[in-house]
């Protein structure tokens, strides 16, 4: 069934259904229509009616609450749920500090284009202006104004009759391009107020459907450029989503090399003969060489935001007159003004139409494919395994072992910092072809699953520490049929590691790999590589296995490659609950963060300040 044929079953009303729903119950009824499974949050007095409605919903098989340990973690969980399931993530918080705690996770989703419904509470309307407890309206700490800067729709519901129209408008906006979070702030008395409805009156599934608009002229212009090009490199960005397979087939037809952005890694098989690695943060020399090859006369960038990390610090290797930029969001085009062509449209449809325009394979004359570049990672990782010292684990050896020992369908989430850098550069799952035989998240009608990445999930641009910890919880809840591995650092787990307790409560078999080097690693190496003062990066060596055990999780400590080799990863994947693997890594190993250092140096030069 295509997205345009999607239909949702009507809400079944039991004989004891009351004459009308209250506002909180109406919200949950819409979530049931959208087949949302979970609502992530931390309860509080100002949103108690919403939790009452969720309790009733859970009894009839509808969405149930998942209690995070901090509201930021709830937003990260909703983010991970959306990335894996393709359905909208929902997070809720009480008024005041509950709402402000959500903001970091919501801002991350906004910067990464992740659809999310955010609901926060307020004291009852008659209490506005009286300094009620945790008042966060315009007469208190104005959280509504705070959310305005990181949401695509943001409104206070001040009357029960407003709720349905505002909720539907918010849900529609969340899934429009550019996608992202939307926010409703609802006072306590409004949540309790009855409506005049016994069921949702809008067909939200139909309203959320967006016609897959594609310009005929855009397809034709793009096709003409591809036919005329002698040698092509395709940059596969994280925004490609469901279009990735079609783009790779186009690359095979055109003989084009494929490089990915960091958030696009995982959308093409690492061992694919046309794959030349990652371009951007923690990327590969092979990818940059492919883009800089003077024989290449066309660079086709698809679904790439052209931010600092996805463009290698706005490198001229990518941003030049050979570039054609294709994207669903025209906002991204503002960062590629030098491109010779911009094409906007629904990417899966656009590439289907492009394939039709090109005609049957073999009719279009294209040049011979580029010479293959070695896919990076393996040789150096194996060398690291051979040369490893008795104590401490080299991070690229760790990535090699994880890629070799974990099943092909594993979802890896890498946290901001060196964990992400090592994963982007070295992580390479084995037996890619076997993924087709592994369990995967079942697609539901509507938005495609895996809209925001392949087997490696990262967060670009805003990049908050600890995102992967909550994100892994949301991913595992969205799809219990595949292994989920969180790659995080000691700094990140000290910041957000309490969400391991949520994984314990939910009995999720997430494996948390902690790269423990007793430091804020990216800060430490960034200072050294840039010649800055070495200060404020040290952390005490923490027993994360002991911390995990205190939270109720399985745990172990790995201090050498030999100990790493003895881990029974299949058994860890089958455990009824999370496992924390505290890996003592070699803190002197230099991470592949050169792009970040170059960007910092360029900023210093442009501002006239000393490097």
Protein backbone atom coordinates (compact mmCIF):
# COMPACT_ATOMS: atom_id res chain seq x y z
CA UNK A 1 0.00 0.00 0.00
CA UNK A 2 1.39 3.39 -0.92
CA UNK A 3 1.27 6.43 1.34
CA UNK A 4 -1.50 7.95 -0.80
CA UNK A 5 -3.68 4.88 -0.13
CA UNK A 6 -3.23 4.98 3.63
CA UNK A 7 -6.33 4.66 5.76
CA UNK A 8 -6.69 4.30 9.50
CA UNK A 9 -9.40 2.29 11.23
CA UNK A 10 -12.05 4.26 13.11
CA UNK A 11 -11.70 4.45 16.86
CA UNK A 12 -13.71 1.64 18.38
CA UNK A 13 -16.06 2.89 21.09
CA UNK A 14 -16.95 0.48 23.85
CA UNK A 15 -20.48 0.52 25.33
CA UNK A 16 -19.15 2.24 28.45
CA UNK A 17 -17.53 5.07 26.48
CA UNK A 18 -18.69 8.33 28.09
CA UNK A 19 -20.85 10.78 26.18
CA UNK A 20 -17.82 12.98 25.50
CA UNK A 21 -14.07 12.86 25.92
CA UNK A 22 -12.11 15.32 27.97
CA UNK A 23 -9.20 17.13 26.34
CA UNK A 24 -6.56 14.68 27.61
CA UNK A 25 -8.61 11.71 26.37
CA UNK A 26 -9.09 13.34 22.98
CA UNK A 27 -5.31 13.77 22.62
CA UNK A 28 -4.78 10.08 23.38
CA UNK A 29 -7.56 9.11 20.96
CA UNK A 30 -5.65 10.87 18.18
CA UNK A 31 -2.45 9.04 19.17
CA UNK A 32 -4.37 5.78 18.91
CA UNK A 33 -5.46 6.76 15.40
CA UNK A 34 -1.81 7.31 14.49
CA UNK A 35 -0.87 3.91 15.98
CA UNK A 36 1.62 5.52 18.35
CA UNK A 37 2.87 2.92 20.82
CA UNK A 38 4.49 4.99 23.57
CA UNK A 39 4.45 8.41 25.17
CA UNK A 40 7.80 9.31 26.74
CA UNK A 41 7.97 11.64 29.69
CA UNK A 42 8.08 12.30 33.41
CA UNK A 43 4.71 12.72 35.15
CA UNK A 44 3.72 15.75 37.19
CA UNK A 45 0.71 17.49 38.63
CA UNK A 46 0.13 19.78 35.66
CA UNK A 47 -0.23 16.85 33.23
CA UNK A 48 -1.89 14.32 35.54
CA UNK A 49 -5.05 14.10 33.36
CA UNK A 50 -2.93 13.07 30.37
CA UNK A 51 -1.41 10.20 32.36
CA UNK A 52 -4.89 9.16 33.49
CA UNK A 53 -5.92 8.97 29.84
CA UNK A 54 -2.79 7.00 28.97
CA UNK A 55 -3.51 4.52 31.76
CA UNK A 56 -6.94 3.84 30.26
CA UNK A 57 -5.44 3.65 26.78
CA UNK A 58 -2.81 1.11 27.84
CA UNK A 59 -5.58 -1.16 29.18
CA UNK A 60 -7.19 -1.29 25.73
CA UNK A 61 -3.93 -1.78 23.84
CA UNK A 62 -3.29 1.85 22.93
CA UNK A 63 -0.25 4.01 23.66
CA UNK A 64 1.22 3.65 27.12
CA UNK A 65 3.57 5.87 29.09
CA UNK A 66 7.31 5.18 29.29
CA UNK A 67 8.75 6.99 32.28
CA UNK A 68 12.13 8.58 31.63
CA UNK A 69 14.43 9.60 34.44
CA UNK A 70 14.89 13.12 33.06
CA UNK A 71 12.79 15.02 30.55
CA UNK A 72 15.75 15.49 28.19
CA UNK A 73 16.02 11.71 28.06
CA UNK A 74 12.30 11.50 27.22
CA UNK A 75 12.83 13.72 24.18
CA UNK A 76 15.85 11.64 23.11
CA UNK A 77 13.72 8.48 23.44
CA UNK A 78 10.98 9.99 21.28
CA UNK A 79 13.67 10.88 18.72
CA UNK A 80 15.00 7.31 18.65
CA UNK A 81 11.48 5.90 18.40
CA UNK A 82 10.70 8.07 15.38
CA UNK A 83 13.95 7.23 13.59
CA UNK A 84 13.30 3.51 13.91
CA UNK A 85 9.52 3.30 13.48
CA UNK A 86 8.75 6.14 11.09
CA UNK A 87 5.87 7.16 13.37
CA UNK A 88 5.76 10.41 15.27
CA UNK A 89 7.52 10.41 18.63
CA UNK A 90 5.61 11.90 21.55
CA UNK A 91 7.16 13.36 24.69
CA UNK A 92 5.45 15.12 27.57
CA UNK A 93 6.50 17.11 30.62
CA UNK A 94 4.92 19.05 33.43
CA UNK A 95 5.12 22.82 33.70
CA UNK A 96 8.16 24.89 34.64
CA UNK A 97 11.38 22.87 34.96
CA UNK A 98 9.77 19.83 33.32
CA UNK A 99 9.22 21.88 30.19
CA UNK A 100 12.65 23.52 30.23
CA UNK A 101 14.32 20.13 30.71
CA UNK A 102 12.74 18.97 27.43
CA UNK A 103 14.21 21.79 25.38
CA UNK A 104 17.64 20.29 24.62
CA UNK A 105 16.11 17.11 23.21
CA UNK A 106 13.49 19.04 21.27
CA UNK A 107 16.14 21.38 19.84
CA UNK A 108 18.15 18.35 18.73
CA UNK A 109 15.11 16.95 16.91
CA UNK A 110 14.47 20.35 15.32
CA UNK A 111 18.02 20.57 14.00
CA UNK A 112 17.88 17.01 12.65
CA UNK A 113 14.39 17.14 11.12
CA UNK A 114 12.81 14.52 13.40
CA UNK A 115 8.99 14.73 13.67
CA UNK A 116 7.90 14.94 17.29
CA UNK A 117 4.80 15.97 19.25
CA UNK A 118 5.74 17.79 22.46
CA UNK A 119 3.11 18.44 25.12
CA UNK A 120 3.81 20.44 28.27
CA UNK A 121 1.54 21.39 31.12
CA UNK A 122 0.65 24.69 32.73
CA UNK A 123 -1.05 25.60 36.01
CA UNK A 124 -4.78 26.18 35.69
CA UNK A 125 -5.70 29.29 33.71
CA UNK A 126 -7.21 31.20 36.69
CA UNK A 127 -3.82 30.95 38.42
CA UNK A 128 -1.88 32.70 35.63
CA UNK A 129 -0.19 35.81 37.00
CA UNK A 130 -0.45 34.71 40.64
CA UNK A 131 2.98 33.05 40.88
CA UNK A 132 1.51 29.57 40.97
CA UNK A 133 3.92 26.71 41.50
CA UNK A 134 6.01 26.18 38.33
CA UNK A 135 4.03 28.75 36.39
CA UNK A 136 5.46 28.89 32.90
CA UNK A 137 3.02 31.08 31.01
CA UNK A 138 3.70 34.62 29.79
CA UNK A 139 3.32 35.86 33.38
CA UNK A 140 5.92 33.39 34.69
CA UNK A 141 8.94 31.65 33.18
CA UNK A 142 7.67 31.80 29.63
CA UNK A 143 8.36 28.31 28.29
CA UNK A 144 6.06 28.84 25.32
CA UNK A 145 8.38 31.56 24.08
CA UNK A 146 11.39 29.30 24.66
CA UNK A 147 9.91 26.54 22.50
CA UNK A 148 9.17 29.00 19.71
CA UNK A 149 12.80 28.84 18.61
CA UNK A 150 13.01 25.04 18.26
CA UNK A 151 9.60 23.96 16.98
CA UNK A 152 7.66 24.32 13.74
CA UNK A 153 4.33 24.86 15.53
CA UNK A 154 4.00 26.26 19.04
CA UNK A 155 0.77 27.24 20.78
CA UNK A 156 -0.97 27.60 24.14
CA UNK A 157 -4.38 25.88 24.29
CA UNK A 158 -6.51 28.30 26.28
CA UNK A 159 -9.96 26.78 25.65
CA UNK A 160 -11.14 23.18 25.23
CA UNK A 161 -12.68 24.00 21.86
CA UNK A 162 -9.22 24.97 20.54
CA UNK A 163 -7.62 21.64 21.24
CA UNK A 164 -8.67 19.54 18.29
CA UNK A 165 -7.89 22.13 15.62
CA UNK A 166 -4.54 23.00 17.17
CA UNK A 167 -3.56 19.37 17.71
CA UNK A 168 -4.39 18.45 14.11
CA UNK A 169 -2.54 21.51 12.78
CA UNK A 170 0.50 20.59 14.90
CA UNK A 171 0.51 16.95 13.76
CA UNK A 172 0.23 17.97 10.12
CA UNK A 173 3.06 20.48 10.47
CA UNK A 174 5.38 17.96 12.15
CA UNK A 175 5.42 15.78 9.06
CA UNK A 176 5.62 18.55 6.46
CA UNK A 177 8.94 19.58 4.94
CA UNK A 178 10.96 20.67 6.80
CA UNK A 179 9.93 18.04 9.33
CA UNK A 180 10.46 18.52 13.02
CA UNK A 181 8.95 18.92 16.48
CA UNK A 182 5.74 20.76 17.33
CA UNK A 183 4.62 21.93 20.77
CA UNK A 184 1.34 22.41 22.61
CA UNK A 185 1.26 23.94 26.08
CA UNK A 186 -1.96 22.99 27.89
CA UNK A 187 -3.15 24.27 31.30
CA UNK A 188 -4.29 21.73 33.86
CA UNK A 189 -7.94 22.81 33.88
CA UNK A 190 -8.07 22.62 30.07
CA UNK A 191 -6.72 19.05 30.10
CA UNK A 192 -9.54 18.11 32.50
CA UNK A 193 -12.24 19.97 30.58
CA UNK A 194 -14.85 17.99 28.64
CA UNK A 195 -15.15 18.40 24.91
CA UNK A 196 -18.24 17.88 22.81
CA UNK A 197 -16.69 14.88 21.04
CA UNK A 198 -16.93 11.13 21.58
CA UNK A 199 -14.14 10.47 19.05
CA UNK A 200 -11.72 12.40 16.83
CA UNK A 201 -13.58 14.20 14.07
CA UNK A 202 -10.60 14.56 11.69
CA UNK A 203 -9.12 11.78 9.58
CA UNK A 204 -5.61 12.60 10.73
CA UNK A 205 -4.01 9.84 8.67
CA UNK A 206 -5.38 11.33 5.46
CA UNK A 207 -4.60 14.90 6.47
CA UNK A 208 -0.98 14.02 7.20
CA UNK A 209 -0.45 12.66 3.72
CA UNK A 210 1.55 15.03 1.55
CA UNK A 211 1.21 14.79 -2.24
CA UNK A 212 4.59 13.65 -3.57
CA UNK A 213 5.16 16.79 -5.59
CA UNK A 214 7.91 16.63 -8.18
CA UNK A 215 8.55 19.13 -10.95
CA UNK A 216 8.63 17.68 -14.47
CA UNK A 217 11.09 20.40 -15.45
CA UNK A 218 13.30 19.55 -12.48
CA UNK A 219 13.41 15.88 -13.43
CA UNK A 220 14.19 16.72 -17.04
CA UNK A 221 16.94 19.21 -16.19
CA UNK A 222 18.51 16.75 -13.76
CA UNK A 223 18.32 13.92 -16.29
CA UNK A 224 19.94 16.04 -18.99
CA UNK A 225 22.86 16.89 -16.70
CA UNK A 226 23.34 13.22 -15.80
CA UNK A 227 23.33 12.13 -19.44
CA UNK A 228 25.92 14.74 -20.40
CA UNK A 229 28.24 14.07 -17.44
CA UNK A 230 31.34 12.01 -18.06
CA UNK A 231 32.04 11.04 -14.47
CA UNK A 232 29.72 11.42 -11.49
CA UNK A 233 30.02 11.21 -7.72
CA UNK A 234 26.83 10.96 -5.66
CA UNK A 235 26.79 12.29 -2.08
CA UNK A 236 24.16 10.37 -0.13
CA UNK A 237 22.90 12.47 2.80
CA UNK A 238 20.96 11.49 5.89
CA UNK A 239 17.78 12.99 4.44
CA UNK A 240 17.57 10.36 1.69
CA UNK A 241 15.60 7.92 3.84
CA UNK A 242 13.40 5.67 1.72
CA UNK A 243 14.96 7.01 -1.49
CA UNK A 244 18.40 5.59 -0.71
CA UNK A 245 17.92 2.23 -2.43
CA UNK A 246 16.72 3.90 -5.62
CA UNK A 247 19.63 6.32 -5.59
CA UNK A 248 22.11 3.47 -5.21
CA UNK A 249 20.49 1.70 -8.17
CA UNK A 250 20.88 4.91 -10.17
CA UNK A 251 24.56 5.02 -9.17
CA UNK A 252 25.01 1.47 -10.48
CA UNK A 253 23.38 2.43 -13.73
CA UNK A 254 25.50 5.57 -14.14
CA UNK A 255 28.72 3.99 -12.92
CA UNK A 256 28.89 6.73 -10.27
CA UNK A 257 30.89 6.47 -7.08
CA UNK A 258 28.89 7.01 -3.88
CA UNK A 259 30.08 8.82 -0.80
CA UNK A 260 27.91 9.55 2.22
CA UNK A 261 27.62 12.25 4.81
CA UNK A 262 28.21 11.12 8.42
CA UNK A 263 24.45 10.84 9.02
CA UNK A 264 24.06 9.01 5.70
CA UNK A 265 26.44 6.21 6.67
CA UNK A 266 24.41 3.03 6.70
CA UNK A 267 22.23 3.94 3.72
CA UNK A 268 24.57 2.01 1.42
CA UNK A 269 26.35 -1.24 2.15
CA UNK A 270 29.89 -0.51 3.43
CA UNK A 271 31.33 -3.08 1.04
CA UNK A 272 29.41 -1.96 -2.02
CA UNK A 273 31.84 -1.74 -4.97
CA UNK A 274 30.79 1.87 -5.70
CA UNK A 275 31.09 3.06 -2.10
CA UNK A 276 34.06 5.35 -1.42
CA UNK A 277 33.46 6.09 2.26
CA UNK A 278 32.21 9.02 4.34
CA UNK A 279 32.74 12.68 3.53
CA UNK A 280 32.54 15.19 6.36
CA UNK A 281 33.15 14.87 10.08
CA UNK A 282 35.38 11.85 10.84
CA UNK A 283 35.31 10.99 7.14
CA UNK A 284 37.70 9.17 4.86
CA UNK A 285 40.44 10.34 2.54
CA UNK A 286 38.98 8.09 -0.14
CA UNK A 287 35.70 10.05 -0.13
CA UNK A 288 37.46 13.39 -0.45
CA UNK A 289 39.68 11.99 -3.20
CA UNK A 290 36.60 10.88 -5.14
CA UNK A 291 35.08 14.36 -4.93
CA UNK A 292 38.35 16.11 -5.85
CA UNK A 293 39.10 13.85 -8.82
CA UNK A 294 39.56 16.30 -11.75
CA UNK A 295 37.87 13.80 -14.07
CA UNK A 296 34.62 14.20 -12.13
CA UNK A 297 32.43 16.80 -13.82
CA UNK A 298 29.23 16.34 -11.78
CA UNK A 299 28.65 15.95 -8.05
CA UNK A 300 25.09 14.99 -7.19
CA UNK A 301 24.33 15.75 -3.51
CA UNK A 302 21.02 14.31 -2.30
CA UNK A 303 19.38 14.91 1.08
CA UNK A 304 22.41 16.72 2.53
CA UNK A 305 21.91 19.71 4.83
CA UNK A 306 25.33 21.19 3.98
CA UNK A 307 26.04 21.98 7.61
CA UNK A 308 29.56 21.98 9.04
CA UNK A 309 29.80 18.25 9.68
CA UNK A 310 27.98 17.10 6.54
CA UNK A 311 30.05 19.31 4.21
CA UNK A 312 33.47 18.85 5.85
CA UNK A 313 33.41 22.40 7.13
CA UNK A 314 31.88 23.79 3.89
CA UNK A 315 34.71 22.34 1.86
CA UNK A 316 35.21 23.51 -1.70
CA UNK A 317 35.73 19.86 -2.62
CA UNK A 318 31.92 19.63 -2.43
CA UNK A 319 30.65 23.19 -2.68
CA UNK A 320 31.74 24.14 -6.18
CA UNK A 321 30.38 24.69 -9.68
CA UNK A 322 30.16 20.94 -10.41
CA UNK A 323 27.47 20.51 -7.75
CA UNK A 324 23.81 19.66 -8.27
CA UNK A 325 21.89 19.77 -5.00
CA UNK A 326 18.67 17.73 -4.67
CA UNK A 327 16.62 17.96 -1.49
CA UNK A 328 13.12 18.02 -0.06
CA UNK A 329 13.87 21.18 1.94
CA UNK A 330 14.65 24.36 0.04
CA UNK A 331 16.15 25.76 3.25
CA UNK A 332 19.19 23.55 2.63
CA UNK A 333 19.76 25.23 -0.73
CA UNK A 334 20.77 28.45 1.03
CA UNK A 335 24.08 26.77 1.86
CA UNK A 336 24.82 25.70 -1.71
CA UNK A 337 24.33 28.91 -3.74
CA UNK A 338 27.17 27.97 -6.09
CA UNK A 339 25.41 24.83 -7.32
CA UNK A 340 24.62 24.80 -11.03
CA UNK A 341 21.20 23.26 -10.35
CA UNK A 342 18.84 22.93 -7.39
CA UNK A 343 16.03 20.39 -7.58
CA UNK A 344 13.38 20.20 -4.86
CA UNK A 345 10.88 17.40 -4.47
CA UNK A 346 9.77 14.27 -2.65
CA UNK A 347 12.93 12.21 -3.01
CA UNK A 348 11.51 8.68 -3.50
CA UNK A 349 9.10 9.97 -6.13
CA UNK A 350 11.71 12.17 -7.76
CA UNK A 351 14.13 9.30 -8.32
CA UNK A 352 11.35 6.99 -9.52
CA UNK A 353 10.41 9.64 -12.08
CA UNK A 354 14.05 10.19 -13.01
CA UNK A 355 14.49 6.47 -13.67
CA UNK A 356 11.41 6.50 -15.90
CA UNK A 357 12.70 9.58 -17.75
CA UNK A 358 16.08 7.95 -18.38
CA UNK A 359 14.31 4.95 -19.93
CA UNK A 360 15.26 1.27 -19.73
CA UNK A 361 18.76 0.56 -18.51
CA UNK A 362 21.24 0.54 -21.34
CA UNK A 363 19.57 3.20 -23.46
CA UNK A 364 21.28 6.11 -21.74
CA UNK A 365 24.89 6.56 -22.70
CA UNK A 366 27.05 7.16 -19.65
CA UNK A 367 30.74 7.11 -19.10
CA UNK A 368 32.67 4.23 -17.64
CA UNK A 369 32.52 4.08 -13.87
CA UNK A 370 35.14 5.66 -11.75
CA UNK A 371 38.00 3.47 -10.56
CA UNK A 372 37.13 1.88 -7.26
CA UNK A 373 38.69 3.33 -4.13
CA UNK A 374 39.55 1.11 -1.21
CA UNK A 375 36.76 1.17 1.35
CA UNK A 376 38.48 2.36 4.56
CA UNK A 377 38.58 0.82 7.94
CA UNK A 378 39.42 -2.86 7.78
CA UNK A 379 43.18 -2.83 7.23
CA UNK A 380 43.92 -0.31 9.93
CA UNK A 381 41.48 -1.94 12.33
CA UNK A 382 43.14 -5.33 11.90
CA UNK A 383 46.52 -3.69 12.37
CA UNK A 384 45.21 -2.17 15.57
CA UNK A 385 44.17 -5.60 16.79
CA UNK A 386 47.67 -6.97 16.17
CA UNK A 387 49.53 -4.06 17.75
CA UNK A 388 47.29 -3.59 20.75
CA UNK A 389 49.02 -3.24 24.10
CA UNK A 390 48.19 -5.55 26.97
CA UNK A 391 46.25 -2.82 28.77
CA UNK A 392 43.59 -0.57 27.22
CA UNK A 393 41.67 -1.05 23.99
CA UNK A 394 42.32 1.00 20.89
CA UNK A 395 38.96 2.49 19.77
CA UNK A 396 39.32 1.44 16.14
CA UNK A 397 39.97 -2.12 17.28
CA UNK A 398 36.81 -1.88 19.36
CA UNK A 399 34.81 -0.75 16.32
CA UNK A 400 36.22 -3.60 14.25
CA UNK A 401 35.23 -6.19 16.85
CA UNK A 402 31.72 -4.75 17.19
CA UNK A 403 31.24 -4.83 13.43
CA UNK A 404 32.47 -8.42 13.22
CA UNK A 405 30.70 -9.87 16.24
CA UNK A 406 27.25 -8.27 16.20
CA UNK A 407 24.45 -9.39 13.86
CA UNK A 408 24.06 -7.53 10.56
CA UNK A 409 20.68 -6.03 11.53
CA UNK A 410 22.11 -4.31 14.62
CA UNK A 411 21.13 -0.67 15.10
CA UNK A 412 24.12 1.34 16.29
CA UNK A 413 23.58 4.76 17.87
CA UNK A 414 26.75 6.81 18.37
CA UNK A 415 26.86 9.66 20.85
CA UNK A 416 28.24 13.12 20.24
CA UNK A 417 31.99 13.25 20.74
CA UNK A 418 34.76 10.82 19.97
CA UNK A 419 32.34 7.88 20.10
CA UNK A 420 30.70 9.24 16.98
CA UNK A 421 34.02 9.96 15.29
CA UNK A 422 35.36 6.43 15.82
CA UNK A 423 32.06 4.89 14.69
CA UNK A 424 31.77 6.98 11.54
CA UNK A 425 35.33 6.22 10.50
CA UNK A 426 35.78 2.56 11.48
CA UNK A 427 32.50 0.79 12.22
CA UNK A 428 31.63 -1.66 9.46
CA UNK A 429 29.05 -4.42 10.06
CA UNK A 430 29.83 -7.84 8.61
CA UNK A 431 27.81 -9.83 6.09
CA UNK A 432 25.75 -6.93 4.81
CA UNK A 433 23.81 -9.21 2.46
CA UNK A 434 22.54 -11.14 5.47
CA UNK A 435 20.52 -8.12 6.61
CA UNK A 436 17.75 -9.15 4.24
CA UNK A 437 17.27 -12.31 6.28
CA UNK A 438 17.25 -10.58 9.66
CA UNK A 439 14.19 -9.29 11.47
CA UNK A 440 13.49 -5.64 10.84
CA UNK A 441 10.95 -3.11 12.02
CA UNK A 442 7.71 -3.76 10.16
CA UNK A 443 6.79 -0.83 7.96
CA UNK A 444 3.37 0.60 8.63
CA UNK A 445 1.31 2.43 6.08
CA UNK A 446 2.27 6.08 5.82
CA UNK A 447 5.71 7.44 6.52
CA UNK A 448 8.48 4.94 5.74
CA UNK A 449 10.41 3.35 8.54
CA UNK A 450 14.02 4.35 9.06
CA UNK A 451 13.37 7.88 7.79
CA UNK A 452 16.47 9.24 9.43
CA UNK A 453 19.26 6.79 8.74
CA UNK A 454 20.43 3.26 8.18
CA UNK A 455 22.14 0.97 10.63
CA UNK A 456 24.22 3.81 12.14
CA UNK A 457 22.28 6.63 13.79
CA UNK A 458 24.01 9.87 14.71
CA UNK A 459 22.89 13.42 15.39
CA UNK A 460 24.35 16.27 13.36
CA UNK A 461 24.72 19.99 14.03
CA UNK A 462 23.18 20.40 17.53
CA UNK A 463 24.85 17.18 18.72
CA UNK A 464 23.99 16.97 22.45
CA UNK A 465 25.98 14.59 24.61
CA UNK A 466 23.90 11.66 25.84
CA UNK A 467 21.48 11.66 22.89
CA UNK A 468 22.33 8.08 21.97
CA UNK A 469 21.52 6.76 25.46
CA UNK A 470 17.88 7.83 25.38
CA UNK A 471 17.75 7.30 21.61
CA UNK A 472 18.73 3.66 22.07
CA UNK A 473 15.86 3.15 24.52
CA UNK A 474 13.38 4.60 22.02
CA UNK A 475 14.86 2.52 19.19
CA UNK A 476 14.62 -0.72 21.15
CA UNK A 477 11.00 -0.02 22.10
CA UNK A 478 10.15 0.74 18.46
CA UNK A 479 11.70 -2.50 17.25
CA UNK A 480 12.38 -5.27 19.77
CA UNK A 481 13.35 -7.67 16.96
CA UNK A 482 16.82 -6.26 16.27
CA UNK A 483 19.86 -5.72 18.50
CA UNK A 484 20.42 -2.13 19.61
CA UNK A 485 23.88 -0.89 20.59
CA UNK A 486 24.60 2.51 22.10
CA UNK A 487 28.16 3.79 21.64
CA UNK A 488 28.76 6.46 24.25
CA UNK A 489 31.57 8.10 26.18
CA UNK A 490 32.18 8.44 29.87
CA UNK A 491 31.32 12.15 29.70
CA UNK A 492 27.99 11.42 28.03
CA UNK A 493 27.02 8.65 30.40
CA UNK A 494 27.83 10.80 33.40
CA UNK A 495 25.49 13.38 31.90
CA UNK A 496 22.55 11.17 30.87
CA UNK A 497 23.34 7.64 32.02
CA UNK A 498 20.37 7.56 34.37
CA UNK A 499 18.25 6.49 31.39
CA UNK A 500 19.82 3.05 31.71
CA UNK A 501 17.34 2.71 34.57
CA UNK A 502 14.53 3.17 32.04
CA UNK A 503 15.99 0.36 29.92
CA UNK A 504 16.04 -1.81 33.06
CA UNK A 505 12.41 -1.03 33.84
CA UNK A 506 11.37 -1.81 30.27
CA UNK A 507 13.51 -4.98 30.12
CA UNK A 508 15.24 -3.84 26.93
CA UNK A 509 18.25 -5.82 25.72
CA UNK A 510 20.21 -2.71 24.75
CA UNK A 511 24.00 -2.98 24.89
CA UNK A 512 25.61 0.24 26.13
CA UNK A 513 29.28 0.37 25.11
CA UNK A 514 31.09 3.01 27.19
CA UNK A 515 34.34 4.34 25.72
CA UNK A 516 35.98 5.10 29.06
CA UNK A 517 39.12 7.25 28.85
CA UNK A 518 38.62 9.36 31.99
CA UNK A 519 38.22 12.51 29.91
CA UNK A 520 35.99 14.61 27.73
CA UNK A 521 37.81 13.05 24.80
CA UNK A 522 36.89 15.45 22.02
CA UNK A 523 37.78 18.41 24.22
CA UNK A 524 41.09 16.82 25.19
CA UNK A 525 42.18 15.98 21.66
CA UNK A 526 40.69 19.13 20.22
CA UNK A 527 42.86 21.19 22.56
CA UNK A 528 45.96 19.21 21.63
CA UNK A 529 45.37 19.25 17.89
CA UNK A 530 44.58 22.96 17.81
CA UNK A 531 47.36 24.02 20.18
CA UNK A 532 44.95 25.36 22.80
CA UNK A 533 45.50 25.29 26.54
CA UNK A 534 45.00 21.84 28.02
CA UNK A 535 42.38 22.44 30.69
CA UNK A 536 39.06 21.20 32.07
CA UNK A 537 38.89 17.89 30.19
CA UNK A 538 39.84 15.37 32.88
CA UNK A 539 37.31 13.09 34.54
CA UNK A 540 37.86 10.64 37.38
CA UNK A 541 38.11 7.02 36.30
CA UNK A 542 34.56 5.86 37.02
CA UNK A 543 33.35 2.30 37.59
CA UNK A 544 30.49 2.27 35.08
CA UNK A 545 30.00 -1.45 35.53
CA UNK A 546 29.39 -0.82 39.23
CA UNK A 547 27.07 2.07 38.41
CA UNK A 548 25.13 -0.11 35.99
CA UNK A 549 24.82 -2.88 38.56
CA UNK A 550 23.43 -0.37 41.04
CA UNK A 551 20.79 0.56 38.45
CA UNK A 552 19.89 -3.09 37.95
CA UNK A 553 21.63 -3.67 34.61
CA UNK A 554 24.03 -6.42 33.63
CA UNK A 555 27.60 -5.15 33.35
CA UNK A 556 31.21 -6.02 32.72
CA UNK A 557 34.59 -4.30 32.39
CA UNK A 558 36.86 -4.72 29.37
CA UNK A 559 40.49 -3.66 29.76
CA UNK A 560 42.12 -5.38 26.78
CA UNK A 561 41.41 -6.76 23.34
CA UNK A 562 41.71 -10.27 24.75
CA UNK A 563 38.90 -9.54 27.20
CA UNK A 564 36.87 -7.94 24.42
CA UNK A 565 37.29 -11.07 22.31
CA UNK A 566 35.78 -13.24 25.07
CA UNK A 567 32.49 -11.34 25.21
CA UNK A 568 29.52 -13.41 24.06
CA UNK A 569 27.71 -10.72 22.06
CA UNK A 570 24.86 -13.02 20.88
CA UNK A 571 24.14 -13.81 24.53
CA UNK A 572 24.16 -10.10 25.41
CA UNK A 573 21.65 -9.47 22.63
CA UNK A 574 19.34 -12.14 24.10
CA UNK A 575 19.45 -10.89 27.67
CA UNK A 576 16.21 -9.78 29.27
CA UNK A 577 17.50 -6.33 30.11
CA UNK A 578 20.35 -3.97 29.26
CA UNK A 579 24.08 -4.60 29.50
CA UNK A 580 26.72 -1.96 30.15
CA UNK A 581 30.18 -2.80 28.81
CA UNK A 582 32.75 -0.49 30.41
CA UNK A 583 35.61 -0.46 27.88
CA UNK A 584 38.86 1.13 29.06
CA UNK A 585 40.08 2.64 25.82
CA UNK A 586 43.47 4.05 24.96
CA UNK A 587 42.91 7.73 25.66
CA UNK A 588 46.02 8.70 23.68
CA UNK A 589 44.64 7.31 20.42
CA UNK A 590 43.98 10.32 18.19
CA UNK A 591 40.39 10.37 16.93
CA UNK A 592 39.55 11.32 13.32
CA UNK A 593 38.23 14.82 14.16
CA UNK A 594 40.36 16.85 11.75
CA UNK A 595 37.33 18.42 10.04
CA UNK A 596 36.20 19.93 13.34
CA UNK A 597 39.67 21.31 14.07
CA UNK A 598 39.91 22.82 10.58
CA UNK A 599 36.54 24.52 11.04
CA UNK A 600 37.63 25.99 14.38
CA UNK A 601 40.85 27.27 12.84
CA UNK A 602 38.96 28.78 9.91
CA UNK A 603 36.60 30.54 12.32
CA UNK A 604 39.57 31.94 14.24
CA UNK A 605 41.15 33.25 11.05
CA UNK A 606 37.93 34.82 9.76
CA UNK A 607 37.32 36.58 13.07
CA UNK A 608 40.87 37.90 13.26
CA UNK A 609 41.52 36.15 16.58
CA UNK A 610 44.69 34.14 17.22
CA UNK A 611 44.52 30.40 16.52
